[in-house]
Amino acid sequence: MRIGILSDTHDLLRPEVADALQGCDYILHGGDISSQRVLDRLEQIAPVKVVRGNNDKEWAEHLPLFLDFELGGLRICMTHKKKDLPGDLSAYDLAIYGHSHQYASDWLEPAGNRRTLLFNPGSCGPRRFIQPITMAILRIDPDGWDIKQIRIPHAAGEKAPKTDSGNVYRQIEVVVHDTEKGLSVDSIAKKRRLDRDLVEQIVRLYVTHPGVTVDGIMTKMGLLGKL
């Protein structure tokens, strides 16, 4: 069995992604599809199991926020944000999330005879900063299962969204300052006239990594030494 895993397409289905999904028995999407058009196109390739992301608005109200299912003998759960996964994942072989746009594959401490893989396929939608464009293919056969990362090169001339690279350090500083004052992501984005997704990413890194510095946040965003 061959299963495509992707997330955060944000209204863009790259031709390379569609090609990589050909021949899949199922497609798993971790949310932030951002349009019915993309979902319809995916469903033309293979049956899709999908959860709703924070950017999937009124059109996606019928989509679940969490899924719990079995495929090829694997128990799988999926949601958009990592924080919304169950606290105890020992019942699952594979726990999928998205949202961060960063590929991650971490084996949790085994519980009994089951090992759980905590997995984020990254984003294969529009380019974000200098982060790679990634998705994955899950293969299940009688001998076991494995996941292979698929990395898609940035197209020639494809530019990252404007973030005023000369001021990124300062932008992170002010977001951290406002976060310490208790302001919400939406309030900071409006007050500082910054991209909301950028603010959300900075805030998430700051609150989930106690003591992290601005340089540390830039490193985790893949920006340090690249601007």
C-alpha atoms as a PDB file:
ATOM      1  CA  MET A   1       0.000   0.000   0.000  1.00  0.00           C
ATOM      2  CA  ARG A   2       1.288   3.454  -0.967  1.00  0.00           C
ATOM      3  CA  ILE A   3      -0.033   6.510   0.899  1.00  0.00           C
ATOM      4  CA  GLY A   4       0.796  10.154   0.267  1.00  0.00           C
ATOM      5  CA  ILE A   5       1.136  12.414   3.320  1.00  0.00           C
ATOM      6  CA  LEU A   6       1.079  16.179   2.959  1.00  0.00           C
ATOM      7  CA  SER A   7      -0.019  19.321   4.729  1.00  0.00           C
ATOM      8  CA  ASP A   8      -0.280  23.094   4.407  1.00  0.00           C
ATOM      9  CA  THR A   9      -0.828  23.319   0.657  1.00  0.00           C
ATOM     10  CA  HIS A  10      -2.438  26.765   1.129  1.00  0.00           C
ATOM     11  CA  ASP A  11      -4.369  26.770  -2.150  1.00  0.00           C
ATOM     12  CA  LEU A  12      -1.423  25.525  -4.209  1.00  0.00           C
ATOM     13  CA  LEU A  13      -1.112  22.012  -5.617  1.00  0.00           C
ATOM     14  CA  ARG A  14       2.294  21.945  -7.250  1.00  0.00           C
ATOM     15  CA  PRO A  15       2.620  19.750 -10.361  1.00  0.00           C
ATOM     16  CA  GLU A  16       5.513  17.920  -8.673  1.00  0.00           C
ATOM     17  CA  VAL A  17       3.245  17.080  -5.717  1.00  0.00           C
ATOM     18  CA  ALA A  18       0.479  15.794  -7.989  1.00  0.00           C
ATOM     19  CA  ASP A  19       3.033  13.681  -9.850  1.00  0.00           C
ATOM     20  CA  ALA A  20       4.430  12.213  -6.605  1.00  0.00           C
ATOM     21  CA  LEU A  21       0.908  11.241  -5.524  1.00  0.00           C
ATOM     22  CA  GLN A  22       0.122   9.277  -8.670  1.00  0.00           C
ATOM     23  CA  GLY A  23      -0.388   5.605  -7.874  1.00  0.00           C
ATOM     24  CA  CYS A  24      -1.185   6.232  -4.197  1.00  0.00           C
ATOM     25  CA  ASP A  25      -3.979   4.218  -2.623  1.00  0.00           C
ATOM     26  CA  TYR A  26      -4.802   7.062  -0.215  1.00  0.00           C
ATOM     27  CA  ILE A  27      -3.797  10.646   0.478  1.00  0.00           C
ATOM     28  CA  LEU A  28      -3.596  12.028   4.031  1.00  0.00           C
ATOM     29  CA  HIS A  29      -3.721  15.834   4.351  1.00  0.00           C
ATOM     30  CA  GLY A  30      -2.894  17.528   7.658  1.00  0.00           C
ATOM     31  CA  GLY A  31      -4.905  20.679   7.048  1.00  0.00           C
ATOM     32  CA  ASP A  32      -4.618  24.228   5.682  1.00  0.00           C
ATOM     33  CA  ILE A  33      -5.769  23.104   2.264  1.00  0.00           C
ATOM     34  CA  SER A  34      -7.279  26.583   1.923  1.00  0.00           C
ATOM     35  CA  SER A  35      -9.628  25.809  -0.987  1.00  0.00           C
ATOM     36  CA  GLN A  36     -12.129  23.231  -2.187  1.00  0.00           C
ATOM     37  CA  ARG A  37     -10.380  23.360  -5.561  1.00  0.00           C
ATOM     38  CA  VAL A  38      -7.219  21.748  -4.191  1.00  0.00           C
ATOM     39  CA  LEU A  39      -9.195  19.136  -2.273  1.00  0.00           C
ATOM     40  CA  ASP A  40     -11.199  18.250  -5.395  1.00  0.00           C
ATOM     41  CA  ARG A  41      -7.988  17.824  -7.389  1.00  0.00           C
ATOM     42  CA  LEU A  42      -6.499  15.543  -4.727  1.00  0.00           C
ATOM     43  CA  GLU A  43      -9.662  13.436  -4.680  1.00  0.00           C
ATOM     44  CA  GLN A  44      -9.252  12.875  -8.415  1.00  0.00           C
ATOM     45  CA  ILE A  45      -5.914  11.214  -7.660  1.00  0.00           C
ATOM     46  CA  ALA A  46      -6.891   9.004  -4.691  1.00  0.00           C
ATOM     47  CA  PRO A  47      -9.304   8.871  -1.731  1.00  0.00           C
ATOM     48  CA  VAL A  48      -8.408  11.636   0.716  1.00  0.00           C
ATOM     49  CA  LYS A  49      -8.517  11.685   4.502  1.00  0.00           C
ATOM     50  CA  VAL A  50      -8.196  15.297   5.633  1.00  0.00           C
ATOM     51  CA  VAL A  51      -8.484  17.433   8.750  1.00  0.00           C
ATOM     52  CA  ARG A  52      -9.397  21.109   8.919  1.00  0.00           C
ATOM     53  CA  GLY A  53      -6.612  23.629   9.504  1.00  0.00           C
ATOM     54  CA  ASN A  54      -6.775  27.072  11.074  1.00  0.00           C
ATOM     55  CA  ASN A  55      -6.806  28.670   7.593  1.00  0.00           C
ATOM     56  CA  ASP A  56      -9.622  26.451   6.308  1.00  0.00           C
ATOM     57  CA  LYS A  57     -12.587  28.759   6.752  1.00  0.00           C
ATOM     58  CA  GLU A  58     -16.314  28.528   6.009  1.00  0.00           C
ATOM     59  CA  TRP A  59     -15.936  26.259   2.992  1.00  0.00           C
ATOM     60  CA  ALA A  60     -14.319  23.594   5.209  1.00  0.00           C
ATOM     61  CA  GLU A  61     -16.678  23.613   8.194  1.00  0.00           C
ATOM     62  CA  HIS A  62     -17.739  20.051   7.371  1.00  0.00           C
ATOM     63  CA  LEU A  63     -14.162  18.753   7.693  1.00  0.00           C
ATOM     64  CA  PRO A  64     -13.163  17.158  11.027  1.00  0.00           C
ATOM     65  CA  LEU A  65     -10.574  18.685  13.334  1.00  0.00           C
ATOM     66  CA  PHE A  66      -9.320  15.221  14.353  1.00  0.00           C
ATOM     67  CA  LEU A  67      -9.279  11.796  12.709  1.00  0.00           C
ATOM     68  CA  ASP A  68      -8.678   8.342  14.190  1.00  0.00           C
ATOM     69  CA  PHE A  69      -8.553   5.499  11.652  1.00  0.00           C
ATOM     70  CA  GLU A  70      -6.770   2.372  10.428  1.00  0.00           C
ATOM     71  CA  LEU A  71      -4.980   1.863   7.125  1.00  0.00           C
ATOM     72  CA  GLY A  72      -3.064  -1.212   6.101  1.00  0.00           C
ATOM     73  CA  GLY A  73      -3.051  -2.481   9.675  1.00  0.00           C
ATOM     74  CA  LEU A  74      -1.717   0.808  11.131  1.00  0.00           C
ATOM     75  CA  ARG A  75      -3.626   2.790  13.731  1.00  0.00           C
ATOM     76  CA  ILE A  76      -3.308   6.450  12.740  1.00  0.00           C
ATOM     77  CA  CYS A  77      -4.490   9.748  14.188  1.00  0.00           C
ATOM     78  CA  MET A  78      -4.272  13.141  12.515  1.00  0.00           C
ATOM     79  CA  THR A  79      -4.918  16.770  13.393  1.00  0.00           C
ATOM     80  CA  HIS A  80      -3.580  20.102  12.179  1.00  0.00           C
ATOM     81  CA  LYS A  81      -1.822  21.438  15.257  1.00  0.00           C
ATOM     82  CA  LYS A  82       0.536  19.318  17.320  1.00  0.00           C
ATOM     83  CA  LYS A  83      -0.941  20.666  20.557  1.00  0.00           C
ATOM     84  CA  ASP A  84      -4.314  19.162  19.617  1.00  0.00           C
ATOM     85  CA  LEU A  85      -3.018  15.586  19.453  1.00  0.00           C
ATOM     86  CA  PRO A  86      -4.044  13.312  22.354  1.00  0.00           C
ATOM     87  CA  GLY A  87      -1.776  13.484  25.366  1.00  0.00           C
ATOM     88  CA  ASP A  88      -1.382   9.703  25.254  1.00  0.00           C
ATOM     89  CA  LEU A  89      -0.418   8.457  21.785  1.00  0.00           C
ATOM     90  CA  SER A  90       0.410   4.911  22.841  1.00  0.00           C
ATOM     91  CA  ALA A  91      -2.649   3.536  21.008  1.00  0.00           C
ATOM     92  CA  TYR A  92      -1.300   4.729  17.650  1.00  0.00           C
ATOM     93  CA  ASP A  93       1.403   3.616  15.265  1.00  0.00           C
ATOM     94  CA  LEU A  94       1.471   7.003  13.545  1.00  0.00           C
ATOM     95  CA  ALA A  95       0.386  10.470  14.721  1.00  0.00           C
ATOM     96  CA  ILE A  96       0.302  13.111  11.964  1.00  0.00           C
ATOM     97  CA  TYR A  97       0.124  16.874  12.321  1.00  0.00           C
ATOM     98  CA  GLY A  98       1.047  19.965  10.269  1.00  0.00           C
ATOM     99  CA  HIS A  99       0.864  23.739  10.810  1.00  0.00           C
ATOM    100  CA  SER A 100       4.550  24.477  11.485  1.00  0.00           C
ATOM    101  CA  HIS A 101       5.637  24.033   7.835  1.00  0.00           C
ATOM    102  CA  GLN A 102       8.640  22.111   9.153  1.00  0.00           C
ATOM    103  CA  TYR A 103       9.282  18.432   8.433  1.00  0.00           C
ATOM    104  CA  ALA A 104       9.629  16.381  11.615  1.00  0.00           C
ATOM    105  CA  SER A 105       9.843  12.658  12.335  1.00  0.00           C
ATOM    106  CA  ASP A 106      10.236  11.574  15.954  1.00  0.00           C
ATOM    107  CA  TRP A 107       9.845   8.126  17.483  1.00  0.00           C
ATOM    108  CA  LEU A 108       8.238   8.281  20.915  1.00  0.00           C
ATOM    109  CA  GLU A 109       9.255   6.038  23.787  1.00  0.00           C
ATOM    110  CA  PRO A 110       7.604   2.663  23.154  1.00  0.00           C
ATOM    111  CA  ALA A 111       4.548   1.719  25.205  1.00  0.00           C
ATOM    112  CA  GLY A 112       4.245  -2.039  25.413  1.00  0.00           C
ATOM    113  CA  ASN A 113       4.716  -3.637  22.004  1.00  0.00           C
ATOM    114  CA  ARG A 114       3.792  -0.527  20.021  1.00  0.00           C
ATOM    115  CA  ARG A 115       6.112   2.239  18.823  1.00  0.00           C
ATOM    116  CA  THR A 116       4.557   5.558  17.819  1.00  0.00           C
ATOM    117  CA  LEU A 117       5.956   7.870  15.156  1.00  0.00           C
ATOM    118  CA  LEU A 118       5.109  11.546  15.665  1.00  0.00           C
ATOM    119  CA  PHE A 119       5.192  12.950  12.152  1.00  0.00           C
ATOM    120  CA  ASN A 120       4.881  16.275  10.313  1.00  0.00           C
ATOM    121  CA  PRO A 121       5.275  16.169   6.502  1.00  0.00           C
ATOM    122  CA  GLY A 122       6.105  19.882   6.350  1.00  0.00           C
ATOM    123  CA  SER A 123       4.547  22.130   3.728  1.00  0.00           C
ATOM    124  CA  CYS A 124       4.372  21.630  -0.035  1.00  0.00           C
ATOM    125  CA  GLY A 125       2.399  24.813  -0.689  1.00  0.00           C
ATOM    126  CA  PRO A 126       3.708  28.327  -1.397  1.00  0.00           C
ATOM    127  CA  ARG A 127       7.317  29.004  -0.494  1.00  0.00           C
ATOM    128  CA  ARG A 128       7.814  30.316   3.038  1.00  0.00           C
ATOM    129  CA  PHE A 129      11.122  31.960   3.959  1.00  0.00           C
ATOM    130  CA  ILE A 130      13.857  29.535   2.867  1.00  0.00           C
ATOM    131  CA  GLN A 131      12.172  26.461   4.293  1.00  0.00           C
ATOM    132  CA  PRO A 132      12.200  23.383   2.043  1.00  0.00           C
ATOM    133  CA  ILE A 133       9.095  22.176   0.229  1.00  0.00           C
ATOM    134  CA  THR A 134       8.334  18.699   1.544  1.00  0.00           C
ATOM    135  CA  MET A 135       5.787  15.886   1.637  1.00  0.00           C
ATOM    136  CA  ALA A 136       6.125  12.146   2.231  1.00  0.00           C
ATOM    137  CA  ILE A 137       5.155   8.704   1.010  1.00  0.00           C
ATOM    138  CA  LEU A 138       4.139   5.996   3.478  1.00  0.00           C
ATOM    139  CA  ARG A 139       4.638   2.432   2.243  1.00  0.00           C
ATOM    140  CA  ILE A 140       3.030  -0.514   4.017  1.00  0.00           C
ATOM    141  CA  ASP A 141       3.787  -4.103   3.106  1.00  0.00           C
ATOM    142  CA  PRO A 142       3.703  -7.487   4.884  1.00  0.00           C
ATOM    143  CA  ASP A 143       7.216  -6.893   6.247  1.00  0.00           C
ATOM    144  CA  GLY A 144       6.407  -3.557   7.871  1.00  0.00           C
ATOM    145  CA  TRP A 145       6.137   0.117   6.986  1.00  0.00           C
ATOM    146  CA  ASP A 146       8.317   3.142   6.389  1.00  0.00           C
ATOM    147  CA  ILE A 147       8.003   6.800   5.456  1.00  0.00           C
ATOM    148  CA  LYS A 148      10.163   8.491   2.846  1.00  0.00           C
ATOM    149  CA  GLN A 149      10.539  12.247   2.639  1.00  0.00           C
ATOM    150  CA  ILE A 150      10.020  13.840  -0.753  1.00  0.00           C
ATOM    151  CA  ARG A 151      11.731  17.197  -1.141  1.00  0.00           C
ATOM    152  CA  ILE A 152      10.640  19.414  -4.008  1.00  0.00           C
ATOM    153  CA  PRO A 153      13.110  22.023  -5.268  1.00  0.00           C
ATOM    154  CA  HIS A 154      12.081  25.648  -5.419  1.00  0.00           C
ATOM    155  CA  ALA A 155      11.196  26.580  -8.964  1.00  0.00           C
ATOM    156  CA  ALA A 156      13.622  28.799 -10.852  1.00  0.00           C
ATOM    157  CA  GLY A 157      12.830  32.380  -9.989  1.00  0.00           C
ATOM    158  CA  GLU A 158      10.423  31.433  -7.190  1.00  0.00           C
ATOM    159  CA  LYS A 159      10.686  34.060  -4.510  1.00  0.00           C
ATOM    160  CA  ALA A 160       9.950  33.734  -0.835  1.00  0.00           C
ATOM    161  CA  PRO A 161       7.207  35.973   0.557  1.00  0.00           C
ATOM    162  CA  LYS A 162       8.381  39.447   1.481  1.00  0.00           C
ATOM    163  CA  THR A 163       9.308  39.711   5.148  1.00  0.00           C
ATOM    164  CA  ASP A 164      11.643  42.725   4.937  1.00  0.00           C
ATOM    165  CA  SER A 165      14.687  40.550   5.507  1.00  0.00           C
ATOM    166  CA  GLY A 166      16.793  43.407   6.811  1.00  0.00           C
ATOM    167  CA  ASN A 167      14.423  43.840   9.738  1.00  0.00           C
ATOM    168  CA  VAL A 168      13.529  40.224  10.560  1.00  0.00           C
ATOM    169  CA  TYR A 169      15.673  40.297  13.706  1.00  0.00           C
ATOM    170  CA  ARG A 170      13.872  43.420  14.905  1.00  0.00           C
ATOM    171  CA  GLN A 171      10.479  41.944  13.978  1.00  0.00           C
ATOM    172  CA  ILE A 172      11.173  38.903  16.139  1.00  0.00           C
ATOM    173  CA  GLU A 173      12.301  41.158  19.000  1.00  0.00           C
ATOM    174  CA  VAL A 174       9.076  43.172  18.984  1.00  0.00           C
ATOM    175  CA  VAL A 175       6.894  40.053  18.674  1.00  0.00           C
ATOM    176  CA  VAL A 176       8.671  38.498  21.661  1.00  0.00           C
ATOM    177  CA  HIS A 177       8.269  41.758  23.602  1.00  0.00           C
ATOM    178  CA  ASP A 178       4.547  41.921  22.856  1.00  0.00           C
ATOM    179  CA  THR A 179       4.127  38.229  23.701  1.00  0.00           C
ATOM    180  CA  GLU A 180       5.710  38.837  27.103  1.00  0.00           C
ATOM    181  CA  LYS A 181       3.161  41.616  27.634  1.00  0.00           C
ATOM    182  CA  GLY A 182       0.381  39.095  27.061  1.00  0.00           C
ATOM    183  CA  LEU A 183      -0.805  40.287  23.638  1.00  0.00           C
ATOM    184  CA  SER A 184      -2.447  37.778  21.309  1.00  0.00           C
ATOM    185  CA  VAL A 185      -1.133  36.794  17.888  1.00  0.00           C
ATOM    186  CA  ASP A 186      -3.906  38.757  16.163  1.00  0.00           C
ATOM    187  CA  SER A 187      -3.258  41.838  18.306  1.00  0.00           C
ATOM    188  CA  ILE A 188       0.480  41.752  17.594  1.00  0.00           C
ATOM    189  CA  ALA A 189      -0.027  41.281  13.848  1.00  0.00           C
ATOM    190  CA  LYS A 190      -2.441  44.221  13.721  1.00  0.00           C
ATOM    191  CA  LYS A 191      -0.369  46.478  15.980  1.00  0.00           C
ATOM    192  CA  ARG A 192       2.919  45.817  14.176  1.00  0.00           C
ATOM    193  CA  ARG A 193       1.398  45.409  10.686  1.00  0.00           C
ATOM    194  CA  LEU A 194       3.075  42.044  10.282  1.00  0.00           C
ATOM    195  CA  ASP A 195       1.982  38.895   8.490  1.00  0.00           C
ATOM    196  CA  ARG A 196      -0.171  36.916  10.917  1.00  0.00           C
ATOM    197  CA  ASP A 197       1.405  33.556  10.019  1.00  0.00           C
ATOM    198  CA  LEU A 198       4.858  35.005  10.655  1.00  0.00           C
ATOM    199  CA  VAL A 199       3.762  36.308  14.062  1.00  0.00           C
ATOM    200  CA  GLU A 200       2.126  32.992  14.935  1.00  0.00           C
ATOM    201  CA  GLN A 201       5.283  31.067  14.071  1.00  0.00           C
ATOM    202  CA  ILE A 202       7.484  33.370  16.181  1.00  0.00           C
ATOM    203  CA  VAL A 203       5.105  33.206  19.135  1.00  0.00           C
ATOM    204  CA  ARG A 204       4.841  29.419  18.919  1.00  0.00           C
ATOM    205  CA  LEU A 205       8.616  28.996  18.897  1.00  0.00           C
ATOM    206  CA  TYR A 206       9.004  31.410  21.789  1.00  0.00           C
ATOM    207  CA  VAL A 207       6.400  29.842  24.073  1.00  0.00           C
ATOM    208  CA  THR A 208       7.357  26.232  23.316  1.00  0.00           C
ATOM    209  CA  HIS A 209      11.108  26.758  23.822  1.00  0.00           C
ATOM    210  CA  PRO A 210      11.542  28.480  27.211  1.00  0.00           C
ATOM    211  CA  GLY A 211      14.628  30.668  27.274  1.00  0.00           C
ATOM    212  CA  VAL A 212      15.074  30.716  23.500  1.00  0.00           C
ATOM    213  CA  THR A 213      16.854  33.805  22.141  1.00  0.00           C
ATOM    214  CA  VAL A 214      16.060  35.827  19.038  1.00  0.00           C
ATOM    215  CA  ASP A 215      19.011  34.127  17.332  1.00  0.00           C
ATOM    216  CA  GLY A 216      17.598  30.782  18.441  1.00  0.00           C
ATOM    217  CA  ILE A 217      14.219  31.610  16.929  1.00  0.00           C
ATOM    218  CA  MET A 218      15.882  32.659  13.681  1.00  0.00           C
ATOM    219  CA  THR A 219      17.829  29.388  13.628  1.00  0.00           C
ATOM    220  CA  LYS A 220      14.670  27.328  14.112  1.00  0.00           C
ATOM    221  CA  MET A 221      13.006  29.312  11.305  1.00  0.00           C
ATOM    222  CA  GLY A 222      15.969  28.560   9.054  1.00  0.00           C
ATOM    223  CA  LEU A 223      16.863  32.230   8.773  1.00  0.00           C
ATOM    224  CA  LEU A 224      20.062  32.750  10.763  1.00  0.00           C
ATOM    225  CA  GLY A 225      22.988  33.442   8.486  1.00  0.00           C
ATOM    226  CA  LYS A 226      20.801  33.281   5.375  1.00  0.00           C
ATOM    227  CA  LEU A 227      19.500  36.853   5.173  1.00  0.00           C
END
